[in-house]
Amino acid sequence: MKPDSSLHHVNGQVQIEVADNGTGMSPAVQAKVFQPFCTTKPTGEGTGLGLWLSHDSIAQGHGGTLHVESQEGHSTTFRIGLPLTT
């Protein structure tokens, strides 16, 4: 599977989906991926702040949503929902 993305208008939101071609995440990693300092990189190679900051900015700053859906051994899809403003 190659990386993919899409953009949709759903229930008053713009929904962005981004899928990768990686190896997926375990349910344990998915459960904590948006927590501060969570990283899957070796010690010293990542801060673990990227997805936490992204989630905080989308949810708190813009009133949106950020979800992850993944299957180990396959791929991961992130869904970002942002409210439409007039």
Protein backbone atom coordinates (compact mmCIF):
# COMPACT_ATOMS: atom_id res chain seq x y z
CA MET A 1 0.00 0.00 0.00
CA LYS A 2 1.31 3.45 -0.81
CA PRO A 3 0.76 6.55 1.36
CA ASP A 4 -2.58 8.18 0.68
CA SER A 5 -4.59 11.22 1.74
CA SER A 6 -8.08 12.62 1.25
CA LEU A 7 -10.19 15.62 2.15
CA HIS A 8 -13.95 15.47 2.83
CA HIS A 9 -16.74 17.72 4.06
CA VAL A 10 -18.62 15.76 6.77
CA ASN A 11 -21.25 17.06 9.23
CA GLY A 12 -20.00 20.65 9.34
CA GLN A 13 -16.36 19.64 9.45
CA VAL A 14 -13.49 19.38 7.04
CA GLN A 15 -12.10 15.88 7.51
CA ILE A 16 -8.55 15.14 6.44
CA GLU A 17 -7.31 11.55 6.28
CA VAL A 18 -3.66 10.65 5.92
CA ALA A 19 -2.57 7.01 5.62
CA ASP A 20 1.01 5.74 5.62
CA ASN A 21 2.64 2.60 4.33
CA GLY A 22 4.38 1.72 7.58
CA THR A 23 4.14 -1.31 9.81
CA GLY A 24 1.23 -0.08 11.92
CA MET A 25 0.91 0.35 15.68
CA SER A 26 -0.06 -2.04 18.41
CA PRO A 27 -3.24 -1.31 20.39
CA ALA A 28 -1.03 -0.39 23.38
CA VAL A 29 0.81 2.29 21.38
CA GLN A 30 -2.45 3.59 19.87
CA ALA A 31 -3.88 4.02 23.37
CA LYS A 32 -1.08 6.40 24.40
CA VAL A 33 0.13 7.93 21.12
CA PHE A 34 -1.37 11.37 21.91
CA GLN A 35 0.05 11.52 25.45
CA PRO A 36 3.03 13.81 26.10
CA PHE A 37 6.46 12.16 25.83
CA CYS A 38 5.12 9.02 24.12
CA THR A 39 7.61 7.93 21.48
CA THR A 40 8.29 4.77 19.55
CA LYS A 41 11.83 5.86 18.75
CA PRO A 42 14.90 4.64 20.64
CA THR A 43 15.89 6.58 23.77
CA GLY A 44 17.43 9.93 22.91
CA GLU A 45 16.08 10.02 19.35
CA GLY A 46 12.66 11.59 19.89
CA THR A 47 10.90 13.87 22.33
CA GLY A 48 7.45 12.32 22.02
CA LEU A 49 5.83 15.73 21.79
CA GLY A 50 4.84 15.86 18.12
CA LEU A 51 1.51 14.05 18.20
CA TRP A 52 0.63 15.43 21.63
CA LEU A 53 1.19 19.00 20.41
CA SER A 54 -0.74 18.27 17.22
CA HIS A 55 -3.66 16.80 19.16
CA ASP A 56 -3.67 19.71 21.62
CA SER A 57 -3.58 22.32 18.86
CA ILE A 58 -6.33 20.66 16.82
CA ALA A 59 -8.62 19.87 19.78
CA GLN A 60 -8.03 22.81 22.13
CA GLY A 61 -6.98 25.50 19.67
CA HIS A 62 -9.45 24.77 16.88
CA GLY A 63 -12.22 22.67 18.46
CA GLY A 64 -11.42 19.76 16.17
CA THR A 65 -10.58 16.10 16.52
CA LEU A 66 -7.57 13.90 15.82
CA HIS A 67 -7.95 10.12 15.72
CA VAL A 68 -5.66 7.25 14.83
CA GLU A 69 -6.62 3.91 13.31
CA SER A 70 -3.93 1.30 12.84
CA GLN A 71 -3.42 -2.39 12.35
CA GLU A 72 -0.12 -3.99 13.30
CA GLY A 73 1.77 -5.20 10.27
CA HIS A 74 -0.20 -3.02 7.88
CA SER A 75 -0.57 0.75 8.04
CA THR A 76 -1.84 3.70 10.07
CA THR A 77 -4.47 6.30 9.22
CA PHE A 78 -4.83 9.62 11.01
CA ARG A 79 -8.14 11.48 10.75
CA ILE A 80 -8.24 15.20 11.47
CA GLY A 81 -11.60 16.95 11.79
CA LEU A 82 -11.80 20.75 11.82
CA PRO A 83 -15.04 22.69 12.20
CA LEU A 84 -16.06 24.83 9.25
CA THR A 85 -16.36 28.53 10.01
CA THR A 86 -18.33 31.11 8.11
